[in-house]
Amino acid sequence: MKISFKLGLWFFVCTVIIEMISMLYLHSNIINSRVSQELQSLQARGNNHRDVLEISSDPSTLHHIGLMETNTDTEVVITDLKGKIVLASGQ
């Protein structure tokens, strides 16, 4: 084999290995970052609902929270102090 072919093949193999390692690293970091962002978003929405319910927990407020969450991918469940479900947005 010619030396130029060997060098070209070596360069190609090194490039592929570096790209594979980079892609695996980036994929892992993007997944972790995305999960963290989604968790923070869910916690913020939950905290906002909690703050509203601390101010007013009348049926119209509960209905409004249920309406806000009906078209989301998550389900909100509001319980009373005894653990009884007062509102579930998926119902």
C-alpha atoms as a PDB file:
ATOM      1  CA  MET A   1       0.000   0.000   0.000  1.00  0.00           C
ATOM      2  CA  LYS A   2       1.108   3.513  -0.694  1.00  0.00           C
ATOM      3  CA  ILE A   3       2.027   5.753   2.220  1.00  0.00           C
ATOM      4  CA  SER A   4      -0.502   8.386   1.049  1.00  0.00           C
ATOM      5  CA  PHE A   5      -3.312   5.822   1.232  1.00  0.00           C
ATOM      6  CA  LYS A   6      -2.222   4.741   4.728  1.00  0.00           C
ATOM      7  CA  LEU A   7      -2.076   8.361   5.909  1.00  0.00           C
ATOM      8  CA  GLY A   8      -5.455   9.132   4.362  1.00  0.00           C
ATOM      9  CA  LEU A   9      -7.006   6.053   5.976  1.00  0.00           C
ATOM     10  CA  TRP A  10      -5.431   6.904   9.341  1.00  0.00           C
ATOM     11  CA  PHE A  11      -6.707  10.493   9.094  1.00  0.00           C
ATOM     12  CA  PHE A  12     -10.208   9.240   8.186  1.00  0.00           C
ATOM     13  CA  VAL A  13     -10.316   6.748  11.091  1.00  0.00           C
ATOM     14  CA  CYS A  14      -9.100   9.396  13.571  1.00  0.00           C
ATOM     15  CA  THR A  15     -11.682  11.877  12.303  1.00  0.00           C
ATOM     16  CA  VAL A  16     -14.510   9.339  12.627  1.00  0.00           C
ATOM     17  CA  ILE A  17     -13.441   8.387  16.161  1.00  0.00           C
ATOM     18  CA  ILE A  18     -13.219  12.041  17.239  1.00  0.00           C
ATOM     19  CA  GLU A  19     -16.645  12.771  15.721  1.00  0.00           C
ATOM     20  CA  MET A  20     -18.225   9.741  17.427  1.00  0.00           C
ATOM     21  CA  ILE A  21     -16.829  10.714  20.823  1.00  0.00           C
ATOM     22  CA  SER A  22     -17.940  14.325  20.324  1.00  0.00           C
ATOM     23  CA  MET A  23     -21.460  13.314  19.265  1.00  0.00           C
ATOM     24  CA  LEU A  24     -21.880  10.938  22.209  1.00  0.00           C
ATOM     25  CA  TYR A  25     -20.678  13.625  24.626  1.00  0.00           C
ATOM     26  CA  LEU A  26     -22.877  16.325  23.114  1.00  0.00           C
ATOM     27  CA  HIS A  27     -25.922  14.025  22.989  1.00  0.00           C
ATOM     28  CA  SER A  28     -25.490  13.134  26.645  1.00  0.00           C
ATOM     29  CA  ASN A  29     -25.132  16.779  27.679  1.00  0.00           C
ATOM     30  CA  ILE A  30     -28.099  17.919  25.596  1.00  0.00           C
ATOM     31  CA  ILE A  31     -30.330  15.207  27.094  1.00  0.00           C
ATOM     32  CA  ASN A  32     -29.310  16.138  30.648  1.00  0.00           C
ATOM     33  CA  SER A  33     -29.758  19.835  29.930  1.00  0.00           C
ATOM     34  CA  ARG A  34     -33.208  19.307  28.399  1.00  0.00           C
ATOM     35  CA  VAL A  35     -34.389  17.141  31.318  1.00  0.00           C
ATOM     36  CA  SER A  36     -33.162  19.780  33.767  1.00  0.00           C
ATOM     37  CA  GLN A  37     -34.951  22.570  31.880  1.00  0.00           C
ATOM     38  CA  GLU A  38     -38.206  20.600  31.761  1.00  0.00           C
ATOM     39  CA  LEU A  39     -38.010  19.802  35.472  1.00  0.00           C
ATOM     40  CA  GLN A  40     -37.446  23.471  36.316  1.00  0.00           C
ATOM     41  CA  SER A  41     -40.377  24.451  34.104  1.00  0.00           C
ATOM     42  CA  LEU A  42     -42.699  21.944  35.802  1.00  0.00           C
ATOM     43  CA  GLN A  43     -41.583  23.099  39.243  1.00  0.00           C
ATOM     44  CA  ALA A  44     -42.168  26.740  38.313  1.00  0.00           C
ATOM     45  CA  ARG A  45     -45.692  25.968  37.026  1.00  0.00           C
ATOM     46  CA  GLY A  46     -46.462  23.985  40.166  1.00  0.00           C
ATOM     47  CA  ASN A  47     -45.189  26.794  42.368  1.00  0.00           C
ATOM     48  CA  ASN A  48     -47.315  29.321  40.469  1.00  0.00           C
ATOM     49  CA  HIS A  49     -50.438  27.186  40.950  1.00  0.00           C
ATOM     50  CA  ARG A  50     -49.603  26.775  44.640  1.00  0.00           C
ATOM     51  CA  ASP A  51     -49.180  30.544  45.076  1.00  0.00           C
ATOM     52  CA  VAL A  52     -52.551  31.225  43.418  1.00  0.00           C
ATOM     53  CA  LEU A  53     -54.288  28.592  45.529  1.00  0.00           C
ATOM     54  CA  GLU A  54     -52.793  30.019  48.727  1.00  0.00           C
ATOM     55  CA  ILE A  55     -54.444  33.348  47.890  1.00  0.00           C
ATOM     56  CA  SER A  56     -57.786  31.932  46.755  1.00  0.00           C
ATOM     57  CA  SER A  57     -58.940  28.338  46.610  1.00  0.00           C
ATOM     58  CA  ASP A  58     -62.566  28.866  45.642  1.00  0.00           C
ATOM     59  CA  PRO A  59     -64.175  26.660  42.946  1.00  0.00           C
ATOM     60  CA  SER A  60     -63.708  29.246  40.180  1.00  0.00           C
ATOM     61  CA  THR A  61     -59.952  29.359  40.826  1.00  0.00           C
ATOM     62  CA  LEU A  62     -59.792  25.561  40.801  1.00  0.00           C
ATOM     63  CA  HIS A  63     -61.768  25.485  37.561  1.00  0.00           C
ATOM     64  CA  HIS A  64     -59.439  28.065  36.013  1.00  0.00           C
ATOM     65  CA  ILE A  65     -56.328  26.051  36.935  1.00  0.00           C
ATOM     66  CA  GLY A  66     -57.939  22.925  35.506  1.00  0.00           C
ATOM     67  CA  LEU A  67     -58.720  24.759  32.261  1.00  0.00           C
ATOM     68  CA  MET A  68     -55.165  26.068  31.982  1.00  0.00           C
ATOM     69  CA  GLU A  69     -53.769  22.541  32.215  1.00  0.00           C
ATOM     70  CA  THR A  70     -56.208  20.661  29.958  1.00  0.00           C
ATOM     71  CA  ASN A  71     -54.178  21.157  26.762  1.00  0.00           C
ATOM     72  CA  THR A  72     -50.773  20.352  28.243  1.00  0.00           C
ATOM     73  CA  ASP A  73     -48.831  17.098  28.217  1.00  0.00           C
ATOM     74  CA  THR A  74     -48.909  16.945  31.997  1.00  0.00           C
ATOM     75  CA  GLU A  75     -51.717  16.387  34.460  1.00  0.00           C
ATOM     76  CA  VAL A  76     -52.294  18.572  37.491  1.00  0.00           C
ATOM     77  CA  VAL A  77     -53.843  16.970  40.556  1.00  0.00           C
ATOM     78  CA  ILE A  78     -54.946  19.167  43.448  1.00  0.00           C
ATOM     79  CA  THR A  79     -55.671  17.494  46.765  1.00  0.00           C
ATOM     80  CA  ASP A  80     -57.064  18.727  50.051  1.00  0.00           C
ATOM     81  CA  LEU A  81     -55.308  18.352  53.401  1.00  0.00           C
ATOM     82  CA  LYS A  82     -56.665  14.815  53.808  1.00  0.00           C
ATOM     83  CA  GLY A  83     -55.278  13.722  50.422  1.00  0.00           C
ATOM     84  CA  LYS A  84     -58.659  13.638  48.697  1.00  0.00           C
ATOM     85  CA  ILE A  85     -58.477  14.707  45.047  1.00  0.00           C
ATOM     86  CA  VAL A  86     -60.212  18.048  44.582  1.00  0.00           C
ATOM     87  CA  LEU A  87     -59.275  18.540  40.913  1.00  0.00           C
ATOM     88  CA  ALA A  88     -57.483  16.537  38.258  1.00  0.00           C
ATOM     89  CA  SER A  89     -56.898  18.249  34.935  1.00  0.00           C
ATOM     90  CA  GLY A  90     -56.961  14.990  32.950  1.00  0.00           C
ATOM     91  CA  GLN A  91     -60.589  14.194  33.864  1.00  0.00           C
END
